[in-house]
Amino acid sequence: MKRASLHFSTQTWTAFDAGLFWSMGSSREEAFTRVSVATLPQQSTGSPRCPRSMSHSERKHPPHLNMPTKLLVYFLLLSVFRACSQTIASEEEEYDDVTVNQMLAPRTHETDATQILNNLLKEYDKKLRPDIGVKPTVIDVDIFVNSIGPVSSINMEYQIDIIFAQTWTDSRLRYNSTMKILTLNSNMVGLIWLPDTIFRNSKNADSHWITTPNQLLRIWNDGKILYTLRLTINAECQLQLHNFPMDEHSCPLIFSSYGYPRDEMIYKWRKNSVEAADQKSWRLYQFDFMGLRNTTDIIKTTAGDYVVMTVYFDLSRRMGYFTIQTYIPCILTVVLSWVSFWIKKDATPARTALGITTVLTMTTLSTVARTSLPRVSYVTAMDLFVTVCFLFVFAALMEYATLNYYSYSARRPTCNKTKRSNYSVLDVGPPPTVIALNNSMYWQEFDDACIYECLDGKDCQSFFCCYEECKGGAWRRGRVHIDILELDAYSRVFFPTSFLLFNVVYWVGYLYL
C-alpha cells in the first residue's frame, strides 16, 4: 500500500509540475510533454515503455486552454497533492511506531517463561514430596481472615472466610533466568506437588470459583513456592454456656497434614502469620471480636505424631438482645406480682387473677428463653434468673392463698354468752364495716356478745396466729408467731428486698466474678 501511494504521488507531482510550468509561461508543448510522460502506464515487468513522440501537428497546434480552466486545474492538482501528502505522512508515522515497538518489546519473556515451565515439568513427579527420604518438608503458613460469622449457638459452629497461604521449597523447580518470579493461575496447580492440608474441626468447606478459581501459584527461581486459595469454612466450636448470655468463647480453627507425620512434614507459623480484615463487614451479630492467637501442638496417633496448628478467635457475647427479650420482661413481671400485696385480702377474684396471670407469663418467658439455646443438661445463667423470677411470682400467689386460708378458717366465731367465762376471749367490737361483694353493699355487724375464741391444739401451735391469747403463755415457748392480718405488710418489704439482693448477687457474680 505504501509503494502504491508513493507511485501515485509521484505522478501527481509531475502533473502538478506540468500545470505549474505551463501557468508560469512555459511553452504548451513542454507542459503537455511532461503531463503525457507522467500519465503513461508503467509495466510491472520488462523495460519501461518510451513515451510516444508528439506529431508535428500536435506540437504546432496544441489544445487551447483558457485562463479559468488553468486555474481550476491548478487548484484541483493542489488539493490532491495535499491529501496524498497527509496520507503518506500518517502511514510513515504508523510504520515507524510499529518498527520501534517491535524493537523494544520483550519478545523473549514469553518464550523464556514457556521454556522454563516446559523444562521444569519435563521430568517432574508430582506424586513425590520435595526432599523425600532426605529431610522433612517445611510448610510456612499464613492466614488472612476476611470475615467471621455468623456464630450458631444451637449448632455450636461458626463460619469463617479466609485466604489460606502455604509456602515451601521444592528444589526440583529451580531455574536460571532473569525472571525471578513466575506468577501462574490455577491451571498449574494440578501439575505440581501440593501439601495435603486438612481442617480437622471443619463441618463443611467451600472453595470459591467465581469468576475463576480463587487460587494463586508463584514459583521463585530458587525453588520457593507460594500457594494461596480462598476458603469459606463452617467450623465446629464447642460453646460452654454456663454463663449464657454473659459468656466468652475461643473458637478454634485446627488444621494439619492428613497423611504426612512430623518426620515428613512440619508446619510453622510465619511472623505476623494471622491477620484480620476490617471488622465492619463481619457478621458477628451477637458477639464482639476480642482478638486472636495461634498455637502449635503435637498429637500422637497410631499412624504417627502429627503437627497440629490452631488459631483461636476470642468472642464475647453481646447482652443487648437478651436484655430486651428476657431480662426486662422477667423483672417487670415479678414487680407486677407485688401489686397484689396492696390489694385488700377480701378481693379474692382480683388477687387470684393477677397471681395466675403473672405465673403463666413467666412460664411463657422461660419457654421463649430456651429457644435460642441448645438442649444442654446444665443450668445456664439465664435459666437461673428465669427460675428465680418464676419462684418470686409463684410465692406471691401462695402468699395470698396462705392469707386467705388463715383469715377464714383459723378462727371460729361464737355468740353463746353463757360460755364466755369458760374461755380466754378477746372482745371484738368494731364499728360496722362496709364490704363490696358483687357490686352490692352489705353491712356486717358484730354483736358485742359475739366473740372469737382461740382454738385449742394444733391451730395455736402453728407459725401463724390470730389472737393475743395464742401469742402468750404456754403456747409460745420459744416460737415466733406472726399475726396473719399483717402478712401483706411483711410481704411488701420482704419480696422487694430479697429480689433486689438476688439481682445484686447475680449480676456481680456473673459479670465480674
Protein backbone atom coordinates (compact mmCIF):
# COMPACT_ATOMS: atom_id res chain seq x y z
CA MET A 1 0.00 0.00 0.00
CA LYS A 2 2.82 2.36 0.73
CA ARG A 3 4.55 1.81 -2.57
CA ALA A 4 1.32 2.41 -4.48
CA SER A 5 0.75 5.62 -2.62
CA LEU A 6 4.27 6.80 -3.42
CA HIS A 7 3.85 5.96 -7.08
CA PHE A 8 0.59 7.86 -7.25
CA SER A 9 2.08 10.86 -5.53
CA THR A 10 4.95 10.93 -8.00
CA GLN A 11 2.55 11.05 -10.91
CA THR A 12 0.50 13.71 -9.21
CA TRP A 13 3.57 15.80 -8.57
CA THR A 14 4.66 15.53 -12.19
CA ALA A 15 1.24 16.58 -13.40
CA PHE A 16 1.23 19.40 -10.94
CA ASP A 17 4.68 20.44 -12.11
CA ALA A 18 3.50 20.46 -15.68
CA GLY A 19 0.48 22.58 -14.91
CA LEU A 20 2.56 24.94 -12.85
CA PHE A 21 5.22 25.16 -15.58
CA TRP A 22 2.54 25.95 -18.12
CA SER A 23 0.91 28.54 -15.94
CA MET A 24 4.24 30.27 -15.41
CA GLY A 25 4.60 30.94 -19.08
CA SER A 26 6.44 27.91 -20.40
CA SER A 27 5.57 26.55 -23.76
CA ARG A 28 2.49 24.47 -24.10
CA GLU A 29 4.49 21.79 -25.80
CA GLU A 30 6.82 21.32 -22.85
CA ALA A 31 3.94 21.28 -20.37
CA PHE A 32 1.95 18.70 -22.24
CA THR A 33 5.08 16.69 -22.79
CA ARG A 34 5.55 16.46 -19.01
CA VAL A 35 1.92 15.55 -18.41
CA SER A 36 1.97 12.89 -21.04
CA VAL A 37 5.12 11.38 -19.62
CA ALA A 38 3.69 11.36 -16.07
CA THR A 39 0.44 9.73 -17.07
CA LEU A 40 1.90 6.96 -19.21
CA PRO A 41 1.09 3.50 -17.84
CA GLN A 42 4.04 1.54 -16.47
CA GLN A 43 4.51 -2.13 -17.00
CA SER A 44 5.24 -4.24 -13.99
CA THR A 45 7.92 -6.26 -15.72
CA GLY A 46 10.29 -5.62 -18.58
CA SER A 47 11.84 -2.43 -19.76
CA PRO A 48 9.86 0.75 -19.46
CA ARG A 49 7.94 1.90 -22.47
CA CYS A 50 9.25 5.04 -24.16
CA PRO A 51 6.84 7.87 -24.47
CA ARG A 52 5.19 8.39 -27.84
CA SER A 53 6.61 11.38 -29.61
CA MET A 54 4.14 14.04 -30.45
CA SER A 55 3.30 14.66 -34.07
CA HIS A 56 4.24 17.84 -35.80
CA SER A 57 0.65 18.98 -35.86
CA GLU A 58 0.21 18.35 -32.15
CA ARG A 59 3.38 20.28 -31.37
CA LYS A 60 2.40 23.09 -33.60
CA HIS A 61 -1.25 23.26 -32.63
CA PRO A 62 -1.63 22.03 -29.03
CA PRO A 63 -5.08 22.11 -27.37
CA HIS A 64 -6.04 25.58 -26.36
CA LEU A 65 -6.89 26.20 -22.63
CA ASN A 66 -8.27 29.45 -21.39
CA MET A 67 -7.21 31.11 -18.14
CA PRO A 68 -10.13 29.95 -15.83
CA THR A 69 -9.54 26.38 -16.87
CA LYS A 70 -5.91 26.74 -15.98
CA LEU A 71 -6.77 27.98 -12.50
CA LEU A 72 -9.27 25.16 -11.94
CA VAL A 73 -6.75 22.53 -12.94
CA TYR A 74 -4.18 24.17 -10.74
CA PHE A 75 -6.38 24.13 -7.60
CA LEU A 76 -7.53 20.56 -8.23
CA LEU A 77 -3.99 19.35 -8.51
CA LEU A 78 -3.02 21.26 -5.37
CA SER A 79 -5.85 19.63 -3.32
CA VAL A 80 -4.92 16.16 -4.49
CA PHE A 81 -1.29 16.80 -3.64
CA ARG A 82 -2.10 17.90 -0.06
CA ALA A 83 -4.36 14.90 0.60
CA CYS A 84 -1.78 12.45 -0.66
CA SER A 85 0.97 14.11 1.35
CA GLN A 86 -1.02 13.77 4.61
CA THR A 87 -1.80 10.09 3.92
CA ILE A 88 1.84 9.35 3.26
CA ALA A 89 2.94 11.13 6.42
CA SER A 90 0.46 9.23 8.65
CA GLU A 91 1.44 5.89 7.16
CA GLU A 92 5.09 6.65 7.71
CA GLU A 93 4.43 7.54 11.37
CA GLU A 94 2.49 4.30 11.94
CA TYR A 95 5.20 2.31 10.27
CA ASP A 96 7.84 3.96 12.44
CA ASP A 97 5.80 3.27 15.63
CA VAL A 98 5.35 -0.38 14.76
CA THR A 99 9.04 -0.69 13.99
CA VAL A 100 10.02 0.90 17.31
CA ASN A 101 7.57 -1.28 19.28
CA GLN A 102 8.83 -4.39 17.66
CA MET A 103 12.37 -3.41 18.54
CA LEU A 104 11.54 -2.58 22.22
CA ALA A 105 9.01 -5.38 23.03
CA PRO A 106 10.42 -8.13 25.30
CA ARG A 107 9.66 -10.95 22.96
CA THR A 108 11.95 -13.25 24.89
CA HIS A 109 9.93 -13.11 28.18
CA GLU A 110 7.01 -15.11 26.92
CA THR A 111 9.30 -17.53 25.20
CA ASP A 112 11.51 -17.84 28.26
CA ALA A 113 8.54 -18.50 30.60
CA THR A 114 7.20 -21.21 28.33
CA GLN A 115 10.60 -22.83 28.03
CA ILE A 116 11.15 -22.64 31.79
CA LEU A 117 7.83 -24.34 32.57
CA ASN A 118 8.38 -27.00 29.94
CA ASN A 119 11.84 -27.77 31.27
CA LEU A 120 10.65 -27.83 34.91
CA LEU A 121 7.74 -30.17 34.28
CA LYS A 122 9.50 -32.45 31.81
CA GLU A 123 10.73 -34.91 34.42
CA TYR A 124 8.72 -33.67 37.43
CA ASP A 125 6.81 -36.24 39.51
CA LYS A 126 4.01 -34.58 41.46
CA LYS A 127 3.31 -37.74 43.46
CA LEU A 128 6.50 -37.31 45.49
CA ARG A 129 7.02 -34.58 48.07
CA PRO A 130 10.15 -32.38 47.95
CA ASP A 131 13.29 -33.82 49.54
CA ILE A 132 11.67 -37.18 50.09
CA GLY A 133 13.91 -39.51 52.03
CA VAL A 134 16.30 -36.64 52.85
CA LYS A 135 14.57 -34.25 55.26
CA PRO A 136 11.07 -33.15 56.27
CA THR A 137 9.27 -30.62 54.10
CA VAL A 138 8.73 -27.36 55.99
CA ILE A 139 5.43 -25.56 55.27
CA ASP A 140 5.19 -21.92 56.34
CA VAL A 141 1.57 -20.88 56.89
CA ASP A 142 -0.19 -17.52 56.64
CA ILE A 143 -3.90 -16.82 57.18
CA PHE A 144 -5.76 -13.66 56.26
CA VAL A 145 -9.24 -13.50 57.80
CA ASN A 146 -11.78 -11.83 55.53
CA SER A 147 -14.76 -12.25 57.85
CA ILE A 148 -16.13 -14.28 60.76
CA GLY A 149 -19.75 -15.10 61.39
CA PRO A 150 -22.43 -15.84 61.95
CA VAL A 151 -21.98 -17.95 65.09
CA SER A 152 -24.70 -20.51 65.80
CA SER A 153 -25.19 -21.36 69.47
CA ILE A 154 -27.71 -24.08 68.67
CA ASN A 155 -25.48 -25.92 66.18
CA MET A 156 -22.29 -24.92 68.01
CA GLU A 157 -20.48 -23.82 64.88
CA TYR A 158 -19.24 -20.65 63.22
CA GLN A 159 -18.47 -19.58 59.67
CA ILE A 160 -15.18 -18.05 58.59
CA ASP A 161 -13.90 -16.72 55.26
CA ILE A 162 -10.10 -16.86 54.92
CA ILE A 163 -7.26 -16.69 52.42
CA PHE A 164 -5.02 -19.63 53.27
CA ALA A 165 -1.40 -19.32 52.14
CA GLN A 166 1.28 -22.04 52.23
CA THR A 167 4.94 -21.58 51.33
CA TRP A 168 7.55 -24.31 50.87
CA THR A 169 10.68 -25.03 48.84
CA ASP A 170 10.88 -27.59 46.05
CA SER A 171 14.42 -27.92 44.69
CA ARG A 172 13.10 -29.64 41.58
CA LEU A 173 11.54 -26.34 40.44
CA ARG A 174 14.71 -24.24 40.45
CA TYR A 175 15.63 -22.46 37.21
CA ASN A 176 18.16 -20.00 35.87
CA SER A 177 16.63 -16.93 34.28
CA THR A 178 16.38 -13.20 34.62
CA MET A 179 12.74 -13.74 35.60
CA LYS A 180 12.87 -14.18 39.35
CA ILE A 181 9.18 -14.97 39.85
CA LEU A 182 6.68 -16.89 37.76
CA THR A 183 3.10 -15.94 38.69
CA LEU A 184 0.73 -18.64 37.46
CA ASN A 185 -3.01 -19.26 37.63
CA SER A 186 -5.00 -22.26 38.80
CA ASN A 187 -4.16 -24.28 35.66
CA MET A 188 -0.73 -25.01 37.07
CA VAL A 189 -1.99 -26.12 40.48
CA GLY A 190 -2.64 -29.70 39.43
CA LEU A 191 0.79 -30.11 37.80
CA ILE A 192 2.99 -29.87 40.90
CA TRP A 193 3.07 -31.41 44.38
CA LEU A 194 0.84 -29.71 46.99
CA PRO A 195 0.57 -30.24 50.77
CA ASP A 196 -2.36 -32.43 51.89
CA THR A 197 -3.59 -29.93 54.49
CA ILE A 198 -6.96 -30.62 56.13
CA PHE A 199 -9.06 -28.66 58.64
CA ARG A 200 -9.76 -31.02 61.48
CA ASN A 201 -12.77 -29.26 63.02
CA SER A 202 -14.41 -28.39 59.72
CA LYS A 203 -18.02 -29.44 59.21
CA ASN A 204 -18.20 -28.05 55.70
CA ALA A 205 -15.80 -26.11 53.48
CA ASP A 206 -16.12 -24.47 50.06
CA SER A 207 -13.51 -23.08 47.70
CA HIS A 208 -14.51 -20.02 45.69
CA TRP A 209 -14.75 -20.48 41.92
CA ILE A 210 -16.33 -17.23 40.69
CA THR A 211 -15.36 -15.81 38.30
CA THR A 212 -12.31 -18.07 38.16
CA PRO A 213 -10.89 -20.46 40.78
CA ASN A 214 -9.56 -18.27 43.59
CA GLN A 215 -6.13 -19.85 43.60
CA LEU A 216 -2.67 -18.42 43.10
CA LEU A 217 0.66 -20.12 42.44
CA ARG A 218 4.06 -18.39 42.42
CA ILE A 219 7.40 -20.02 41.72
CA TRP A 220 10.70 -18.31 42.53
CA ASN A 221 13.92 -19.11 40.71
CA ASP A 222 15.37 -20.64 43.89
CA GLY A 223 12.53 -23.20 44.09
CA LYS A 224 10.35 -21.45 46.65
CA ILE A 225 6.62 -21.90 46.03
CA LEU A 226 3.66 -19.86 47.29
CA TYR A 227 0.20 -21.39 47.04
CA THR A 228 -2.86 -19.44 48.20
CA LEU A 229 -6.58 -20.13 47.97
CA ARG A 230 -9.75 -18.63 49.36
CA LEU A 231 -11.96 -20.81 51.57
CA THR A 232 -15.26 -20.50 53.42
CA ILE A 233 -15.35 -22.95 56.35
CA ASN A 234 -18.08 -23.93 58.79
CA ALA A 235 -16.00 -24.96 61.77
CA GLU A 236 -17.08 -26.60 65.00
CA CYS A 237 -16.91 -24.54 68.19
CA GLN A 238 -17.82 -26.22 71.49
CA LEU A 239 -19.56 -23.40 73.35
CA GLN A 240 -19.58 -23.55 77.14
CA LEU A 241 -22.92 -21.97 78.01
CA HIS A 242 -22.76 -21.96 81.81
CA ASN A 243 -22.58 -18.15 81.82
CA PHE A 244 -25.01 -17.63 78.93
CA PRO A 245 -25.70 -14.87 77.88
CA MET A 246 -22.64 -13.35 79.55
CA ASP A 247 -20.32 -15.98 78.10
CA GLU A 248 -17.00 -15.68 76.30
CA HIS A 249 -15.64 -18.25 73.88
CA SER A 250 -12.47 -19.14 71.98
CA CYS A 251 -13.50 -20.73 68.71
CA PRO A 252 -10.62 -22.73 67.15
CA LEU A 253 -9.63 -23.35 63.56
CA ILE A 254 -7.49 -26.51 63.55
CA PHE A 255 -5.52 -27.82 60.58
CA SER A 256 -2.72 -30.30 59.93
CA SER A 257 -1.44 -32.75 57.34
CA TYR A 258 -3.70 -35.67 56.56
CA GLY A 259 -1.07 -38.28 55.74
CA TYR A 260 2.42 -36.92 56.47
CA PRO A 261 3.59 -37.29 60.09
CA ARG A 262 6.01 -34.98 61.82
CA ASP A 263 9.13 -36.72 60.46
CA GLU A 264 8.00 -35.97 56.90
CA MET A 265 6.17 -32.64 57.08
CA ILE A 266 6.42 -29.78 59.56
CA TYR A 267 4.11 -26.76 59.74
CA LYS A 268 5.40 -23.42 61.00
CA TRP A 269 3.82 -20.05 61.59
CA ARG A 270 5.40 -17.11 59.83
CA LYS A 271 5.85 -13.78 61.55
CA ASN A 272 2.53 -11.93 61.76
CA SER A 273 1.08 -15.00 60.14
CA VAL A 274 -2.57 -14.36 61.09
CA GLU A 275 -4.13 -11.05 60.13
CA ALA A 276 -7.72 -9.86 60.04
CA ALA A 277 -9.55 -7.51 57.70
CA ASP A 278 -11.77 -4.61 58.70
CA GLN A 279 -14.45 -5.86 61.10
CA LYS A 280 -17.20 -3.65 59.65
CA SER A 281 -18.13 -6.36 57.15
CA TRP A 282 -18.16 -9.17 59.72
CA ARG A 283 -21.47 -10.82 60.64
CA LEU A 284 -20.97 -11.22 64.38
CA TYR A 285 -24.49 -10.16 65.26
CA GLN A 286 -24.46 -11.31 68.88
CA PHE A 287 -20.71 -11.26 69.54
CA ASP A 288 -17.78 -8.88 69.81
CA PHE A 289 -14.41 -9.89 68.40
CA MET A 290 -11.86 -9.68 71.21
CA GLY A 291 -8.71 -10.91 69.39
CA LEU A 292 -6.95 -14.00 68.09
CA ARG A 293 -3.98 -16.19 68.96
CA ASN A 294 -2.24 -19.12 67.31
CA THR A 295 -0.58 -22.21 68.74
CA THR A 296 1.38 -25.27 67.57
CA ASP A 297 0.80 -28.69 69.09
CA ILE A 298 1.81 -32.31 68.55
CA ILE A 299 -0.82 -35.02 68.67
CA LYS A 300 0.00 -38.71 68.93
CA THR A 301 -1.96 -41.23 66.90
CA THR A 302 -1.49 -44.81 65.82
CA ALA A 303 -0.30 -43.52 62.43
CA GLY A 304 2.40 -41.33 64.00
CA ASP A 305 2.92 -37.91 65.53
CA TYR A 306 1.35 -35.02 63.63
CA VAL A 307 1.96 -31.28 63.81
CA VAL A 308 -1.35 -29.53 64.52
CA MET A 309 -1.78 -25.78 64.02
CA THR A 310 -4.61 -23.93 65.78
CA VAL A 311 -5.96 -20.39 65.54
CA TYR A 312 -8.25 -19.24 68.36
CA PHE A 313 -10.77 -16.46 67.76
CA ASP A 314 -11.86 -14.92 71.06
CA LEU A 315 -15.51 -13.83 71.09
CA SER A 316 -17.64 -12.16 73.74
CA ARG A 317 -21.43 -12.25 73.59
CA ARG A 318 -23.45 -9.05 73.48
CA MET A 319 -26.27 -8.89 76.03
CA GLY A 320 -28.47 -6.30 74.33
CA TYR A 321 -30.80 -8.74 72.62
CA PHE A 322 -31.29 -10.94 75.67
CA THR A 323 -31.75 -7.97 77.99
CA ILE A 324 -34.67 -6.74 75.92
CA GLN A 325 -36.03 -10.19 75.11
CA THR A 326 -35.83 -11.89 78.52
CA TYR A 327 -34.38 -9.98 81.46
CA ILE A 328 -36.51 -6.84 81.39
CA PRO A 329 -39.82 -8.73 80.86
CA CYS A 330 -38.98 -11.09 83.73
CA ILE A 331 -38.20 -8.23 86.10
CA LEU A 332 -41.36 -6.36 85.18
CA THR A 333 -43.47 -9.49 85.67
CA VAL A 334 -42.05 -10.00 89.15
CA VAL A 335 -42.72 -6.38 90.10
CA LEU A 336 -46.25 -6.71 88.74
CA SER A 337 -46.89 -9.67 91.03
CA TRP A 338 -46.22 -7.46 94.04
CA VAL A 339 -49.26 -5.30 93.28
CA SER A 340 -51.44 -7.91 94.98
CA PHE A 341 -49.87 -7.01 98.33
CA TRP A 342 -51.61 -3.63 98.15
CA ILE A 343 -55.00 -5.09 97.23
CA LYS A 344 -57.43 -5.90 100.07
CA LYS A 345 -57.47 -9.50 101.14
CA ASP A 346 -61.20 -9.67 100.59
CA ALA A 347 -60.77 -9.02 96.81
CA THR A 348 -60.27 -12.67 96.05
CA PRO A 349 -61.01 -12.61 92.28
CA ALA A 350 -58.64 -9.70 91.62
CA ARG A 351 -55.72 -11.08 93.57
CA THR A 352 -56.17 -14.60 92.25
CA ALA A 353 -56.40 -13.48 88.63
CA LEU A 354 -53.31 -11.30 88.99
CA GLY A 355 -51.29 -14.11 90.54
CA ILE A 356 -52.26 -16.70 87.93
CA THR A 357 -51.58 -14.28 85.05
CA THR A 358 -48.08 -13.47 86.25
CA VAL A 359 -47.30 -17.18 86.74
CA LEU A 360 -48.42 -18.01 83.20
CA THR A 361 -46.42 -15.06 81.84
CA MET A 362 -43.26 -16.31 83.49
CA THR A 363 -43.88 -19.77 82.09
CA THR A 364 -44.07 -18.33 78.57
CA LEU A 365 -40.92 -16.25 79.06
CA SER A 366 -38.97 -19.24 80.31
CA THR A 367 -40.03 -21.25 77.25
CA VAL A 368 -39.04 -18.45 74.83
CA ALA A 369 -35.68 -18.01 76.55
CA ARG A 370 -34.74 -21.62 75.82
CA THR A 371 -35.37 -21.36 72.08
CA SER A 372 -32.00 -19.67 71.48
CA LEU A 373 -30.08 -22.38 73.33
CA PRO A 374 -29.18 -25.98 72.56
CA ARG A 375 -30.58 -28.65 74.83
CA VAL A 376 -27.76 -28.74 77.32
CA SER A 377 -28.03 -30.69 80.54
CA TYR A 378 -26.64 -28.00 82.84
CA VAL A 379 -28.19 -24.78 84.15
CA THR A 380 -27.21 -21.57 82.38
CA ALA A 381 -27.16 -18.11 83.90
CA MET A 382 -30.37 -17.20 82.08
CA ASP A 383 -32.06 -20.36 83.33
CA LEU A 384 -31.16 -19.43 86.89
CA PHE A 385 -32.54 -15.91 86.56
CA VAL A 386 -35.79 -17.01 84.92
CA THR A 387 -36.28 -19.75 87.51
CA VAL A 388 -35.80 -17.38 90.44
CA CYS A 389 -38.20 -14.88 88.88
CA PHE A 390 -40.74 -17.66 88.46
CA LEU A 391 -40.34 -18.61 92.13
CA PHE A 392 -40.92 -15.00 93.21
CA VAL A 393 -44.11 -14.79 91.16
CA PHE A 394 -45.33 -18.15 92.43
CA ALA A 395 -44.52 -17.16 96.01
CA ALA A 396 -46.62 -14.02 95.63
CA LEU A 397 -49.58 -16.15 94.60
CA MET A 398 -49.00 -18.55 97.50
CA GLU A 399 -48.82 -15.63 99.90
CA TYR A 400 -52.39 -14.71 99.15
CA ALA A 401 -53.52 -18.33 99.40
CA THR A 402 -51.97 -18.53 102.87
CA LEU A 403 -53.50 -15.24 103.91
CA ASN A 404 -56.92 -16.25 102.69
CA TYR A 405 -56.79 -19.63 104.40
CA TYR A 406 -55.78 -18.43 107.84
CA SER A 407 -58.07 -15.43 107.69
CA TYR A 408 -61.24 -17.50 107.35
CA SER A 409 -60.52 -20.93 108.75
CA ALA A 410 -58.08 -20.38 111.58
CA ARG A 411 -60.77 -18.71 113.78
CA ARG A 412 -64.34 -19.61 114.81
CA PRO A 413 -66.97 -17.06 115.92
CA THR A 414 -69.43 -17.86 118.76
CA CYS A 415 -72.26 -15.86 120.26
CA ASN A 416 -73.03 -18.04 123.29
CA LYS A 417 -72.74 -15.62 126.20
CA THR A 418 -73.18 -18.39 128.75
CA LYS A 419 -69.89 -19.96 127.85
CA ARG A 420 -67.98 -16.69 127.84
CA SER A 421 -66.44 -17.39 131.24
CA ASN A 422 -65.08 -20.76 130.13
CA TYR A 423 -62.71 -19.29 127.57
CA SER A 424 -59.99 -16.78 127.41
CA VAL A 425 -61.59 -14.41 124.95
CA LEU A 426 -60.91 -11.23 123.17
CA ASP A 427 -63.91 -8.96 122.78
CA VAL A 428 -64.14 -7.55 119.33
CA GLY A 429 -66.44 -4.59 118.89
CA PRO A 430 -65.52 -2.68 115.76
CA PRO A 431 -67.83 -0.23 114.11
CA PRO A 432 -69.85 -1.51 111.22
CA THR A 433 -67.78 -2.40 108.19
CA VAL A 434 -68.77 -1.93 104.57
CA ILE A 435 -67.99 -4.88 102.27
CA ALA A 436 -68.32 -4.76 98.50
CA LEU A 437 -69.46 -8.06 97.03
CA ASN A 438 -70.86 -8.47 93.51
CA ASN A 439 -71.49 -4.69 93.29
CA SER A 440 -73.79 -4.83 96.34
CA MET A 441 -73.21 -3.18 99.71
CA TYR A 442 -73.77 -5.16 102.83
CA TRP A 443 -73.41 -4.18 106.41
CA GLN A 444 -71.54 -6.59 108.59
CA GLU A 445 -72.38 -6.01 112.23
CA PHE A 446 -70.59 -7.58 115.07
CA ASP A 447 -72.63 -8.06 118.18
CA ASP A 448 -70.88 -7.20 121.39
CA ALA A 449 -71.84 -10.58 122.74
CA CYS A 450 -70.16 -12.42 119.88
CA ILE A 451 -66.57 -13.38 120.48
CA TYR A 452 -63.73 -15.11 118.60
CA GLU A 453 -62.14 -17.87 120.55
CA CYS A 454 -58.63 -19.08 120.04
CA LEU A 455 -58.86 -22.68 119.04
CA ASP A 456 -57.09 -25.21 121.16
CA GLY A 457 -54.49 -27.63 119.97
CA LYS A 458 -52.68 -27.54 116.63
CA ASP A 459 -54.11 -24.21 115.42
CA CYS A 460 -52.40 -22.22 118.12
CA GLN A 461 -49.18 -24.17 117.69
CA SER A 462 -48.84 -23.13 114.05
CA PHE A 463 -46.46 -20.49 112.82
CA PHE A 464 -49.26 -18.02 112.15
CA CYS A 465 -51.59 -16.98 114.97
CA CYS A 466 -54.59 -14.61 115.09
CA TYR A 467 -55.09 -13.54 118.62
CA GLU A 468 -53.25 -12.30 121.58
CA GLU A 469 -54.10 -15.32 123.70
CA CYS A 470 -52.17 -17.57 121.40
CA LYS A 471 -49.20 -15.25 121.37
CA GLY A 472 -48.53 -15.51 125.01
CA GLY A 473 -48.46 -18.09 127.68
CA ALA A 474 -47.55 -21.69 127.26
CA TRP A 475 -48.30 -21.75 123.57
CA ARG A 476 -45.36 -19.53 122.71
CA ARG A 477 -42.50 -21.39 124.37
CA GLY A 478 -39.74 -20.00 122.17
CA ARG A 479 -41.77 -19.87 118.95
CA VAL A 480 -42.20 -16.72 116.89
CA HIS A 481 -45.79 -16.21 115.85
CA ILE A 482 -46.84 -13.76 113.16
CA ASP A 483 -50.13 -12.01 113.05
CA ILE A 484 -51.80 -13.30 109.88
CA LEU A 485 -53.52 -9.99 109.35
CA GLU A 486 -50.13 -8.33 108.92
CA LEU A 487 -48.81 -10.79 106.30
CA ASP A 488 -49.34 -8.36 103.41
CA ALA A 489 -47.41 -5.68 105.25
CA TYR A 490 -44.49 -8.04 105.78
CA SER A 491 -44.58 -9.13 102.11
CA ARG A 492 -44.39 -5.54 100.89
CA VAL A 493 -40.96 -5.31 102.45
CA PHE A 494 -39.68 -8.85 102.17
CA PHE A 495 -40.30 -9.51 98.47
CA PRO A 496 -38.71 -6.33 97.00
CA THR A 497 -35.77 -6.51 99.38
CA SER A 498 -34.98 -10.15 98.68
CA PHE A 499 -35.38 -9.70 94.88
CA LEU A 500 -33.07 -6.67 94.93
CA LEU A 501 -30.49 -8.62 96.93
CA PHE A 502 -30.71 -11.51 94.46
CA ASN A 503 -30.09 -9.17 91.50
CA VAL A 504 -27.03 -7.65 93.14
CA VAL A 505 -25.50 -11.06 93.80
CA TYR A 506 -26.48 -12.36 90.36
CA TRP A 507 -25.07 -9.54 88.23
CA VAL A 508 -21.92 -9.02 90.27
CA GLY A 509 -21.21 -12.73 90.29
CA TYR A 510 -21.63 -13.32 86.56
CA LEU A 511 -20.23 -10.06 85.22
CA TYR A 512 -17.24 -9.56 87.47
CA LEU A 513 -16.56 -12.91 89.16
